[in-house]
C-alpha atoms as a PDB file:
ATOM      1  CA  MET A   1     -22.550 -12.694   3.555  1.00  0.00           C
ATOM      2  CA  LYS A   2     -25.745 -14.811   3.477  1.00  0.00           C
ATOM      3  CA  GLY A   3     -25.523 -18.219   5.016  1.00  0.00           C
ATOM      4  CA  ARG A   4     -22.959 -17.220   7.627  1.00  0.00           C
ATOM      5  CA  LYS A   5     -24.105 -17.662  11.217  1.00  0.00           C
ATOM      6  CA  ILE A   6     -23.887 -14.821  13.722  1.00  0.00           C
ATOM      7  CA  TYR A   7     -20.918 -15.143  16.048  1.00  0.00           C
ATOM      8  CA  LEU A   8     -21.988 -13.752  19.409  1.00  0.00           C
ATOM      9  CA  LEU A   9     -19.361 -12.064  21.574  1.00  0.00           C
ATOM     10  CA  ILE A  10     -19.687  -9.806  24.578  1.00  0.00           C
ATOM     11  CA  PRO A  11     -20.569  -6.329  23.177  1.00  0.00           C
ATOM     12  CA  ILE A  12     -18.131  -4.496  25.430  1.00  0.00           C
ATOM     13  CA  VAL A  13     -15.245  -6.301  23.733  1.00  0.00           C
ATOM     14  CA  LEU A  14     -15.919  -4.740  20.369  1.00  0.00           C
ATOM     15  CA  PHE A  15     -16.865  -1.410  21.903  1.00  0.00           C
ATOM     16  CA  LEU A  16     -13.148  -1.108  22.732  1.00  0.00           C
ATOM     17  CA  VAL A  17     -12.424  -0.396  19.103  1.00  0.00           C
ATOM     18  CA  PHE A  18     -14.904   2.463  19.144  1.00  0.00           C
ATOM     19  CA  VAL A  19     -13.897   4.092  22.421  1.00  0.00           C
ATOM     20  CA  ALA A  20     -10.133   3.602  22.446  1.00  0.00           C
ATOM     21  CA  GLY A  21      -9.555   6.694  20.309  1.00  0.00           C
ATOM     22  CA  GLY A  22     -10.867   8.848  23.142  1.00  0.00           C
ATOM     23  CA  CYS A  23      -8.422   7.778  25.862  1.00  0.00           C
ATOM     24  CA  ALA A  24      -6.473  10.477  27.656  1.00  0.00           C
ATOM     25  CA  GLU A  25      -3.659  11.981  25.616  1.00  0.00           C
ATOM     26  CA  GLU A  26      -0.566  10.720  27.378  1.00  0.00           C
ATOM     27  CA  GLU A  27       2.609   8.888  26.516  1.00  0.00           C
ATOM     28  CA  VAL A  28       2.009   5.153  26.096  1.00  0.00           C
ATOM     29  CA  GLU A  29       4.898   2.737  26.167  1.00  0.00           C
ATOM     30  CA  MET A  30       4.581   0.156  23.399  1.00  0.00           C
ATOM     31  CA  PRO A  31       6.468  -3.143  23.126  1.00  0.00           C
ATOM     32  CA  GLU A  32       9.503  -3.072  20.859  1.00  0.00           C
ATOM     33  CA  GLU A  33       8.628  -3.946  17.270  1.00  0.00           C
ATOM     34  CA  GLU A  34      10.765  -6.412  15.391  1.00  0.00           C
ATOM     35  CA  SER A  35      10.627  -7.478  11.761  1.00  0.00           C
ATOM     36  CA  VAL A  36       9.823 -11.146  11.251  1.00  0.00           C
ATOM     37  CA  ASP A  37      10.460 -13.772   8.637  1.00  0.00           C
ATOM     38  CA  LEU A  38       7.170 -14.011   6.745  1.00  0.00           C
ATOM     39  CA  GLU A  39       7.706 -17.693   6.029  1.00  0.00           C
ATOM     40  CA  ASP A  40       7.610 -18.362   9.762  1.00  0.00           C
ATOM     41  CA  GLN A  41       4.224 -16.673  10.106  1.00  0.00           C
ATOM     42  CA  LEU A  42       2.152 -18.870   7.798  1.00  0.00           C
ATOM     43  CA  THR A  43      -1.038 -20.119   9.449  1.00  0.00           C
ATOM     44  CA  ASP A  44      -3.562 -22.741   8.456  1.00  0.00           C
ATOM     45  CA  GLU A  45      -6.283 -21.421  10.745  1.00  0.00           C
ATOM     46  CA  GLU A  46      -9.591 -20.398   9.193  1.00  0.00           C
ATOM     47  CA  SER A  47     -10.530 -16.746   8.861  1.00  0.00           C
ATOM     48  CA  ARG A  48     -14.191 -15.913   9.387  1.00  0.00           C
ATOM     49  CA  VAL A  49     -16.575 -13.026   8.829  1.00  0.00           C
ATOM     50  CA  PHE A  50     -19.697 -13.077  11.006  1.00  0.00           C
ATOM     51  CA  GLY A  51     -22.831 -11.049  10.407  1.00  0.00           C
ATOM     52  CA  GLU A  52     -24.237  -9.269   7.380  1.00  0.00           C
ATOM     53  CA  VAL A  53     -24.205  -5.647   6.257  1.00  0.00           C
ATOM     54  CA  GLU A  54     -27.660  -4.232   6.913  1.00  0.00           C
ATOM     55  CA  GLU A  55     -29.247  -0.948   5.817  1.00  0.00           C
ATOM     56  CA  THR A  56     -26.540   1.708   6.048  1.00  0.00           C
ATOM     57  CA  VAL A  57     -27.820   4.708   4.043  1.00  0.00           C
ATOM     58  CA  SER A  58     -28.257   7.833   6.184  1.00  0.00           C
ATOM     59  CA  THR A  59     -31.843   9.058   6.396  1.00  0.00           C
ATOM     60  CA  LEU A  60     -32.120  11.138   9.584  1.00  0.00           C
ATOM     61  CA  GLU A  61     -31.907  14.943   9.511  1.00  0.00           C
ATOM     62  CA  GLY A  62     -28.318  16.023  10.094  1.00  0.00           C
ATOM     63  CA  GLU A  63     -26.710  19.146  11.503  1.00  0.00           C
ATOM     64  CA  ILE A  64     -23.432  20.905  10.805  1.00  0.00           C
ATOM     65  CA  GLU A  65     -21.930  23.812  12.728  1.00  0.00           C
ATOM     66  CA  ILE A  66     -19.523  26.177  10.977  1.00  0.00           C
ATOM     67  CA  GLU A  67     -17.503  28.205  13.447  1.00  0.00           C
ATOM     68  CA  THR A  68     -18.392  31.928  13.425  1.00  0.00           C
ATOM     69  CA  VAL A  69     -20.907  31.303  10.617  1.00  0.00           C
ATOM     70  CA  GLY A  70     -23.797  29.316  12.053  1.00  0.00           C
ATOM     71  CA  THR A  71     -25.505  25.943  12.430  1.00  0.00           C
ATOM     72  CA  PHE A  72     -27.342  24.355   9.522  1.00  0.00           C
ATOM     73  CA  SER A  73     -29.681  21.404   9.150  1.00  0.00           C
ATOM     74  CA  PHE A  74     -29.755  19.192   6.071  1.00  0.00           C
ATOM     75  CA  ASP A  75     -31.483  16.124   4.655  1.00  0.00           C
ATOM     76  CA  PRO A  76     -28.819  13.454   3.961  1.00  0.00           C
ATOM     77  CA  ARG A  77     -30.993  12.021   1.207  1.00  0.00           C
ATOM     78  CA  GLU A  78     -30.390  15.235  -0.750  1.00  0.00           C
ATOM     79  CA  VAL A  79     -26.601  15.311  -0.409  1.00  0.00           C
ATOM     80  CA  GLN A  80     -24.574  14.172  -3.430  1.00  0.00           C
ATOM     81  CA  THR A  81     -20.920  13.223  -3.312  1.00  0.00           C
ATOM     82  CA  VAL A  82     -18.180  14.918  -5.305  1.00  0.00           C
ATOM     83  CA  ARG A  83     -16.076  11.758  -4.846  1.00  0.00           C
ATOM     84  CA  GLU A  84     -17.925   9.372  -7.120  1.00  0.00           C
ATOM     85  CA  ASP A  85     -14.637   7.485  -7.424  1.00  0.00           C
ATOM     86  CA  ILE A  86     -14.972   6.556  -3.731  1.00  0.00           C
ATOM     87  CA  PHE A  87     -18.634   6.557  -2.725  1.00  0.00           C
ATOM     88  CA  LYS A  88     -21.631   4.823  -4.223  1.00  0.00           C
ATOM     89  CA  GLU A  89     -24.940   6.641  -4.721  1.00  0.00           C
ATOM     90  CA  GLY A  90     -26.580   7.475  -1.407  1.00  0.00           C
ATOM     91  CA  TYR A  91     -23.284   7.765   0.474  1.00  0.00           C
ATOM     92  CA  PHE A  92     -21.103  10.827   0.949  1.00  0.00           C
ATOM     93  CA  SER A  93     -18.384  12.462   3.038  1.00  0.00           C
ATOM     94  CA  ILE A  94     -18.511  15.237   5.613  1.00  0.00           C
ATOM     95  CA  PHE A  95     -16.936  17.513   2.984  1.00  0.00           C
ATOM     96  CA  ASP A  96     -19.934  16.843   0.729  1.00  0.00           C
ATOM     97  CA  VAL A  97     -22.185  18.387   3.370  1.00  0.00           C
ATOM     98  CA  LEU A  98     -20.337  21.692   2.945  1.00  0.00           C
ATOM     99  CA  VAL A  99     -20.663  21.466  -0.832  1.00  0.00           C
ATOM    100  CA  HIS A 100     -24.385  20.810  -0.403  1.00  0.00           C
ATOM    101  CA  LEU A 101     -24.795  23.968   1.678  1.00  0.00           C
ATOM    102  CA  GLU A 102     -22.843  25.981  -0.893  1.00  0.00           C
ATOM    103  CA  GLN A 103     -24.971  24.662  -3.753  1.00  0.00           C
ATOM    104  CA  ASN A 104     -28.112  25.682  -1.849  1.00  0.00           C
ATOM    105  CA  GLY A 105     -26.761  29.187  -1.293  1.00  0.00           C
ATOM    106  CA  GLN A 106     -26.590  28.840   2.483  1.00  0.00           C
ATOM    107  CA  VAL A 107     -22.858  29.525   2.725  1.00  0.00           C
ATOM    108  CA  GLU A 108     -20.096  30.655   0.392  1.00  0.00           C
ATOM    109  CA  VAL A 109     -17.449  27.969  -0.008  1.00  0.00           C
ATOM    110  CA  ASP A 110     -14.455  28.116  -2.343  1.00  0.00           C
ATOM    111  CA  TYR A 111     -12.515  24.898  -2.882  1.00  0.00           C
ATOM    112  CA  TYR A 112     -10.528  22.975  -5.461  1.00  0.00           C
ATOM    113  CA  PHE A 113      -9.314  19.423  -6.039  1.00  0.00           C
ATOM    114  CA  GLU A 114      -5.582  18.841  -5.549  1.00  0.00           C
ATOM    115  CA  GLU A 115      -4.553  15.773  -7.553  1.00  0.00           C
ATOM    116  CA  ASP A 116      -1.149  15.556  -5.870  1.00  0.00           C
ATOM    117  CA  MET A 117      -2.941  15.086  -2.539  1.00  0.00           C
ATOM    118  CA  ASN A 118      -6.041  13.234  -3.828  1.00  0.00           C
ATOM    119  CA  THR A 119      -8.335  15.486  -1.868  1.00  0.00           C
ATOM    120  CA  HIS A 120     -10.314  18.716  -1.976  1.00  0.00           C
ATOM    121  CA  VAL A 121      -8.886  21.810  -0.333  1.00  0.00           C
ATOM    122  CA  ILE A 122     -11.074  24.534   1.155  1.00  0.00           C
ATOM    123  CA  THR A 123      -9.661  27.968   0.412  1.00  0.00           C
ATOM    124  CA  ASP A 124     -12.441  30.143   1.812  1.00  0.00           C
ATOM    125  CA  ILE A 125     -15.720  29.999   3.736  1.00  0.00           C
ATOM    126  CA  ASN A 126     -17.627  33.274   3.928  1.00  0.00           C
ATOM    127  CA  GLY A 127     -14.466  35.304   3.494  1.00  0.00           C
ATOM    128  CA  HIS A 128     -12.186  33.367   5.829  1.00  0.00           C
ATOM    129  CA  ALA A 129      -9.382  30.915   5.008  1.00  0.00           C
ATOM    130  CA  GLU A 130      -7.780  27.938   6.808  1.00  0.00           C
ATOM    131  CA  TRP A 131     -10.511  25.491   7.795  1.00  0.00           C
ATOM    132  CA  TRP A 132     -10.550  21.980   9.226  1.00  0.00           C
ATOM    133  CA  TYR A 133     -13.104  19.869  11.056  1.00  0.00           C
ATOM    134  CA  ASP A 134     -14.160  18.226  14.308  1.00  0.00           C
ATOM    135  CA  ALA A 135     -16.237  15.123  13.702  1.00  0.00           C
ATOM    136  CA  TYR A 136     -17.216  11.955  15.515  1.00  0.00           C
ATOM    137  CA  TYR A 137     -19.836   9.262  15.259  1.00  0.00           C
ATOM    138  CA  ASP A 138     -22.751   8.518  17.582  1.00  0.00           C
ATOM    139  CA  GLY A 139     -21.472   7.692  21.065  1.00  0.00           C
ATOM    140  CA  GLY A 140     -18.073   9.314  20.484  1.00  0.00           C
ATOM    141  CA  TRP A 141     -16.452  12.576  21.547  1.00  0.00           C
ATOM    142  CA  PRO A 142     -14.111  15.228  20.075  1.00  0.00           C
ATOM    143  CA  GLU A 143     -10.738  13.923  18.942  1.00  0.00           C
ATOM    144  CA  ARG A 144      -7.780  14.925  16.826  1.00  0.00           C
ATOM    145  CA  SER A 145      -7.919  13.629  13.241  1.00  0.00           C
ATOM    146  CA  VAL A 146      -5.887  14.212  10.086  1.00  0.00           C
ATOM    147  CA  PHE A 147      -8.053  12.010   7.860  1.00  0.00           C
ATOM    148  CA  ARG A 148      -9.051  13.486   4.493  1.00  0.00           C
ATOM    149  CA  MET A 149     -12.316  15.387   4.820  1.00  0.00           C
ATOM    150  CA  ASP A 150     -13.653  14.163   1.471  1.00  0.00           C
ATOM    151  CA  HIS A 151     -12.918  10.525   2.464  1.00  0.00           C
ATOM    152  CA  TYR A 152     -14.658  10.685   5.872  1.00  0.00           C
ATOM    153  CA  PRO A 153     -18.041   8.857   5.551  1.00  0.00           C
ATOM    154  CA  TYR A 154     -21.080  10.577   6.977  1.00  0.00           C
ATOM    155  CA  LYS A 155     -23.364   8.558   9.275  1.00  0.00           C
ATOM    156  CA  ASP A 156     -26.674   9.267  10.980  1.00  0.00           C
ATOM    157  CA  LYS A 157     -26.437  10.943  14.398  1.00  0.00           C
ATOM    158  CA  MET A 158     -22.836  12.037  13.948  1.00  0.00           C
ATOM    159  CA  THR A 159     -21.489  15.333  15.284  1.00  0.00           C
ATOM    160  CA  LEU A 160     -19.927  17.603  12.662  1.00  0.00           C
ATOM    161  CA  ARG A 161     -18.230  20.978  13.084  1.00  0.00           C
ATOM    162  CA  ILE A 162     -16.150  22.965  10.598  1.00  0.00           C
ATOM    163  CA  VAL A 163     -13.579  24.958  12.560  1.00  0.00           C
ATOM    164  CA  ARG A 164     -10.880  27.546  12.003  1.00  0.00           C
ATOM    165  CA  SER A 165      -7.372  26.132  11.766  1.00  0.00           C
ATOM    166  CA  THR A 166      -3.846  27.382  11.056  1.00  0.00           C
ATOM    167  CA  GLU A 167      -1.697  27.431   7.957  1.00  0.00           C
ATOM    168  CA  GLU A 168       1.048  25.576   9.805  1.00  0.00           C
ATOM    169  CA  PHE A 169      -1.231  22.672  10.771  1.00  0.00           C
ATOM    170  CA  LEU A 170      -2.804  22.368   7.334  1.00  0.00           C
ATOM    171  CA  ASP A 171       0.563  22.459   5.585  1.00  0.00           C
ATOM    172  CA  SER A 172       1.838  19.636   7.797  1.00  0.00           C
ATOM    173  CA  VAL A 173      -1.230  17.518   7.029  1.00  0.00           C
ATOM    174  CA  TYR A 174      -1.116  18.227   3.308  1.00  0.00           C
ATOM    175  CA  ALA A 175       2.570  17.245   3.201  1.00  0.00           C
ATOM    176  CA  THR A 176       1.652  13.731   4.357  1.00  0.00           C
ATOM    177  CA  TYR A 177      -1.084  13.537   1.709  1.00  0.00           C
ATOM    178  CA  ARG A 178       1.450  14.371  -0.985  1.00  0.00           C
ATOM    179  CA  ASP A 179       3.801  11.704   0.345  1.00  0.00           C
ATOM    180  CA  GLU A 180       1.032   9.110   0.175  1.00  0.00           C
ATOM    181  CA  VAL A 181       0.066   9.945  -3.395  1.00  0.00           C
ATOM    182  CA  LYS A 182       3.714   9.977  -4.456  1.00  0.00           C
ATOM    183  CA  ARG A 183       4.227   6.561  -2.843  1.00  0.00           C
ATOM    184  CA  ARG A 184       1.185   5.140  -4.597  1.00  0.00           C
ATOM    185  CA  ASN A 185       2.235   6.566  -7.963  1.00  0.00           C
ATOM    186  CA  GLU A 186       5.720   5.119  -7.575  1.00  0.00           C
ATOM    187  CA  ASN A 187       4.080   1.730  -7.005  1.00  0.00           C
ATOM    188  CA  GLU A 188       1.960   2.077 -10.167  1.00  0.00           C
ATOM    189  CA  GLY A 189      -1.289   2.580  -8.293  1.00  0.00           C
ATOM    190  CA  ARG A 190      -0.826  -0.277  -5.837  1.00  0.00           C
ATOM    191  CA  VAL A 191      -1.181   0.323  -2.104  1.00  0.00           C
ATOM    192  CA  ILE A 192       2.126  -0.940  -0.704  1.00  0.00           C
ATOM    193  CA  VAL A 193       2.487  -0.034   2.964  1.00  0.00           C
ATOM    194  CA  PRO A 194       6.095   0.332   4.147  1.00  0.00           C
ATOM    195  CA  GLU A 195       5.243  -1.072   7.578  1.00  0.00           C
ATOM    196  CA  VAL A 196       2.268  -3.125   8.764  1.00  0.00           C
ATOM    197  CA  ILE A 197       2.349  -3.853  12.493  1.00  0.00           C
ATOM    198  CA  ILE A 198       0.271  -6.448  14.336  1.00  0.00           C
ATOM    199  CA  GLU A 199       0.904  -5.990  18.041  1.00  0.00           C
ATOM    200  CA  GLY A 200      -1.186  -8.609  19.804  1.00  0.00           C
ATOM    201  CA  LYS A 201      -1.400  -9.860  23.351  1.00  0.00           C
ATOM    202  CA  ASN A 202       0.943 -12.771  22.696  1.00  0.00           C
ATOM    203  CA  GLU A 203       2.984 -11.801  19.648  1.00  0.00           C
ATOM    204  CA  THR A 204       4.191  -8.865  17.590  1.00  0.00           C
ATOM    205  CA  MET A 205       4.621  -9.092  13.827  1.00  0.00           C
ATOM    206  CA  VAL A 206       5.989  -6.455  11.468  1.00  0.00           C
ATOM    207  CA  PHE A 207       5.557  -6.810   7.713  1.00  0.00           C
ATOM    208  CA  GLU A 208       7.594  -4.537   5.476  1.00  0.00           C
ATOM    209  CA  ASP A 209       6.494  -3.221   2.062  1.00  0.00           C
ATOM    210  CA  PHE A 210       3.260  -5.201   2.214  1.00  0.00           C
ATOM    211  CA  GLU A 211       0.674  -4.828  -0.562  1.00  0.00           C
ATOM    212  CA  VAL A 212      -2.882  -4.202   0.611  1.00  0.00           C
ATOM    213  CA  LYS A 213      -5.589  -5.156  -1.873  1.00  0.00           C
ATOM    214  CA  ALA A 214      -9.268  -4.199  -1.981  1.00  0.00           C
ATOM    215  CA  HIS A 215     -11.741  -6.871  -0.857  1.00  0.00           C
ATOM    216  CA  ASN A 216     -14.912  -4.789  -1.295  1.00  0.00           C
ATOM    217  CA  LEU A 217     -16.072  -5.741   2.195  1.00  0.00           C
ATOM    218  CA  ARG A 218     -18.171  -2.556   2.297  1.00  0.00           C
ATOM    219  CA  SER A 219     -19.594  -2.830  -1.188  1.00  0.00           C
ATOM    220  CA  ASP A 220     -22.718  -1.062   0.090  1.00  0.00           C
ATOM    221  CA  MET A 221     -20.814   2.197   0.587  1.00  0.00           C
ATOM    222  CA  PHE A 222     -17.703   2.164  -1.600  1.00  0.00           C
ATOM    223  CA  GLN A 223     -16.967   1.736  -5.273  1.00  0.00           C
ATOM    224  CA  PRO A 224     -15.256  -1.511  -6.338  1.00  0.00           C
ATOM    225  CA  GLY A 225     -11.504  -1.397  -5.791  1.00  0.00           C
ATOM    226  CA  VAL A 226     -11.506   1.161  -2.967  1.00  0.00           C
ATOM    227  CA  VAL A 227      -8.952   0.086  -0.350  1.00  0.00           C
ATOM    228  CA  THR A 228      -9.744   0.473   3.348  1.00  0.00           C
ATOM    229  CA  ALA A 229      -7.665  -0.079   6.491  1.00  0.00           C
ATOM    230  CA  ILE A 230      -9.393  -3.366   7.258  1.00  0.00           C
ATOM    231  CA  ASP A 231      -8.196  -4.665   3.885  1.00  0.00           C
ATOM    232  CA  THR A 232      -4.782  -4.861   5.571  1.00  0.00           C
ATOM    233  CA  ILE A 233      -6.095  -7.662   7.786  1.00  0.00           C
ATOM    234  CA  LEU A 234      -7.853  -9.408   4.910  1.00  0.00           C
ATOM    235  CA  SER A 235      -4.743  -9.182   2.713  1.00  0.00           C
ATOM    236  CA  LEU A 236      -2.546 -10.659   5.448  1.00  0.00           C
ATOM    237  CA  GLY A 237      -5.089 -13.448   5.755  1.00  0.00           C
ATOM    238  CA  ASP A 238      -5.043 -14.069   1.998  1.00  0.00           C
ATOM    239  CA  ALA A 239      -1.278 -14.388   2.129  1.00  0.00           C
ATOM    240  CA  GLY A 240      -1.540 -16.949   4.942  1.00  0.00           C
ATOM    241  CA  TYR A 241       0.351 -14.829   7.465  1.00  0.00           C
ATOM    242  CA  ILE A 242      -2.557 -14.490   9.912  1.00  0.00           C
ATOM    243  CA  SER A 243      -6.069 -15.726  10.512  1.00  0.00           C
ATOM    244  CA  TYR A 244      -8.816 -13.482  11.839  1.00  0.00           C
ATOM    245  CA  ASP A 245     -12.453 -13.101  12.856  1.00  0.00           C
ATOM    246  CA  LEU A 246     -14.569 -10.092  11.881  1.00  0.00           C
ATOM    247  CA  GLN A 247     -17.979  -9.269  13.384  1.00  0.00           C
ATOM    248  CA  TRP A 248     -20.673  -6.914  12.097  1.00  0.00           C
ATOM    249  CA  TYR A 249     -22.281  -4.665  14.711  1.00  0.00           C
ATOM    250  CA  GLU A 250     -25.315  -2.443  14.264  1.00  0.00           C
ATOM    251  CA  SER A 251     -24.716  -0.737  17.612  1.00  0.00           C
ATOM    252  CA  LEU A 252     -22.386  -0.993  20.625  1.00  0.00           C
ATOM    253  CA  GLY A 253     -22.941   0.315  24.114  1.00  0.00           C
ATOM    254  CA  THR A 254     -23.911   3.993  23.970  1.00  0.00           C
ATOM    255  CA  ALA A 255     -23.238   4.101  20.217  1.00  0.00           C
ATOM    256  CA  GLY A 256     -26.633   3.520  18.636  1.00  0.00           C
ATOM    257  CA  VAL A 257     -25.352   3.878  15.075  1.00  0.00           C
ATOM    258  CA  VAL A 258     -22.228   1.811  14.397  1.00  0.00           C
ATOM    259  CA  LYS A 259     -22.949  -0.323  11.322  1.00  0.00           C
ATOM    260  CA  SER A 260     -19.395  -1.614  10.830  1.00  0.00           C
ATOM    261  CA  TYR A 261     -17.172  -4.668  11.072  1.00  0.00           C
ATOM    262  CA  TRP A 262     -14.702  -5.014  13.942  1.00  0.00           C
ATOM    263  CA  VAL A 263     -11.603  -7.209  14.136  1.00  0.00           C
ATOM    264  CA  ASN A 264     -12.327  -9.646  16.996  1.00  0.00           C
ATOM    265  CA  ARG A 265      -9.435 -12.057  16.566  1.00  0.00           C
ATOM    266  CA  ILE A 266      -5.985 -12.179  15.049  1.00  0.00           C
ATOM    267  CA  ASN A 267      -4.379 -15.615  15.330  1.00  0.00           C
ATOM    268  CA  ASP A 268      -4.681 -16.723  18.981  1.00  0.00           C
ATOM    269  CA  ASP A 269      -5.501 -13.275  20.361  1.00  0.00           C
ATOM    270  CA  VAL A 270      -9.273 -13.042  20.851  1.00  0.00           C
ATOM    271  CA  SER A 271     -11.072  -9.987  22.210  1.00  0.00           C
ATOM    272  CA  GLU A 272     -12.463 -10.595  25.679  1.00  0.00           C
ATOM    273  CA  GLY A 273     -13.539  -8.616  28.718  1.00  0.00           C
ATOM    274  CA  ARG A 274     -12.030  -5.135  28.470  1.00  0.00           C
ATOM    275  CA  CYS A 275      -9.276  -6.145  26.056  1.00  0.00           C
ATOM    276  CA  GLY A 276      -9.180  -6.228  22.275  1.00  0.00           C
ATOM    277  CA  PHE A 277      -7.733  -4.832  19.059  1.00  0.00           C
ATOM    278  CA  VAL A 278      -7.737  -1.193  17.980  1.00  0.00           C
ATOM    279  CA  TYR A 279      -5.918   0.331  15.027  1.00  0.00           C
ATOM    280  CA  GLU A 280      -4.434   3.410  13.431  1.00  0.00           C
ATOM    281  CA  ALA A 281      -3.054   4.327  10.018  1.00  0.00           C
ATOM    282  CA  GLY A 282      -1.188   7.233   8.486  1.00  0.00           C
ATOM    283  CA  ASP A 283       2.130   9.033   8.655  1.00  0.00           C
ATOM    284  CA  GLU A 284       4.507   8.796  11.622  1.00  0.00           C
ATOM    285  CA  ALA A 285       4.253  12.571  12.031  1.00  0.00           C
ATOM    286  CA  PHE A 286       0.711  12.025  13.383  1.00  0.00           C
ATOM    287  CA  TYR A 287       1.303   8.794  15.299  1.00  0.00           C
ATOM    288  CA  PHE A 288      -1.309   7.692  17.874  1.00  0.00           C
ATOM    289  CA  PHE A 289      -3.270  10.603  19.399  1.00  0.00           C
ATOM    290  CA  ARG A 290      -1.535  13.129  17.164  1.00  0.00           C
ATOM    291  CA  GLY A 291      -4.196  12.391  14.540  1.00  0.00           C
ATOM    292  CA  ASN A 292      -3.995   8.802  13.248  1.00  0.00           C
ATOM    293  CA  HIS A 293      -5.834   7.057  16.083  1.00  0.00           C
ATOM    294  CA  ASN A 294      -9.541   7.897  16.080  1.00  0.00           C
ATOM    295  CA  HIS A 295     -13.090   6.539  16.042  1.00  0.00           C
ATOM    296  CA  ILE A 296     -13.374   5.876  12.304  1.00  0.00           C
ATOM    297  CA  PRO A 297     -13.976   2.102  12.001  1.00  0.00           C
ATOM    298  CA  SER A 298     -11.306   0.452   9.880  1.00  0.00           C
ATOM    299  CA  ASP A 299     -13.823  -0.954   7.386  1.00  0.00           C
ATOM    300  CA  VAL A 300     -14.847   2.580   6.357  1.00  0.00           C
ATOM    301  CA  ARG A 301     -11.427   4.244   6.586  1.00  0.00           C
ATOM    302  CA  VAL A 302     -10.229   4.579   3.004  1.00  0.00           C
ATOM    303  CA  ILE A 303      -6.442   4.509   2.695  1.00  0.00           C
ATOM    304  CA  ASN A 304      -4.309   5.863  -0.119  1.00  0.00           C
ATOM    305  CA  SER A 305      -0.815   4.626   0.703  1.00  0.00           C
ATOM    306  CA  PRO A 306      -0.059   5.340   4.375  1.00  0.00           C
ATOM    307  CA  GLN A 307       3.397   5.118   5.892  1.00  0.00           C
ATOM    308  CA  TYR A 308       2.132   2.503   8.339  1.00  0.00           C
ATOM    309  CA  VAL A 309      -0.956   0.566   9.421  1.00  0.00           C
ATOM    310  CA  LYS A 310      -1.018  -0.763  12.957  1.00  0.00           C
ATOM    311  CA  TYR A 311      -3.458  -3.048  14.782  1.00  0.00           C
ATOM    312  CA  PHE A 312      -2.627  -3.333  18.459  1.00  0.00           C
ATOM    313  CA  TRP A 313      -3.958  -4.923  21.635  1.00  0.00           C
ATOM    314  CA  ILE A 314      -5.240  -2.682  24.394  1.00  0.00           C
ATOM    315  CA  CYS A 315      -7.021  -3.129  27.722  1.00  0.00           C
ATOM    316  CA  ILE A 316      -9.059  -0.345  29.290  1.00  0.00           C
END
């Protein structure tokens, strides 16, 4: 990213992307989505990426609470990832924190890797089954999430709790994981999203069966070829269907540790004031606040082959 000038925008604009996942859980009426002719969406506008990735390795002492078991501190510099196919050295998921505690003899954790879901499944912690998590980054708050635990990047100053869940909830989540892996296998390893939705202030575009390719935007954290949600925007830009602006932010508002890129512009819709783009990705069963819409920045949200990816305009 060297040589690119910093593009200064009002910080509260980009903070929308971070806080929107915590809005009140209520029914939100969205504009009707219509498929479009891709040939009519070609744009000659320039896409730009402003700012550079700075130091992102976690170094501050972390803390994890396990419901009914206890609270444990850990040094993130000592945690190793079990997903070396996703994370580079020095980076890890919130699931890796549990593995670290188990390896140090602090808790008893039984788990296995389920290839058909491309994730690890916890079967037991200290004699109890059915576990999930509550997690959010600095400046955030509790929210519903169905993102894979061993994909969820750990960051300094984040809040992390492992909580009791139910078989019914876990089965419903795991069913969507299996659907994603099946979809990706049927497409010979390519990430082809059945529906990509761009719902801006001035226009709505729907792209069907769109292939999302890795751009290695976060090459500090992820292995080459790992596909993230923000790659949807970059892939649409490559195809000439949209233009965009991305901006790197170290911090935003009350969030001291952000260290991510935000989408500031898509075509003629530019974030301003209290309005801007937010996103979600996943299966329709967990649409919006049911689990797909949360505080994980799209440049660090690894996707397998979700049923949809949606970037939409919101004012708060």
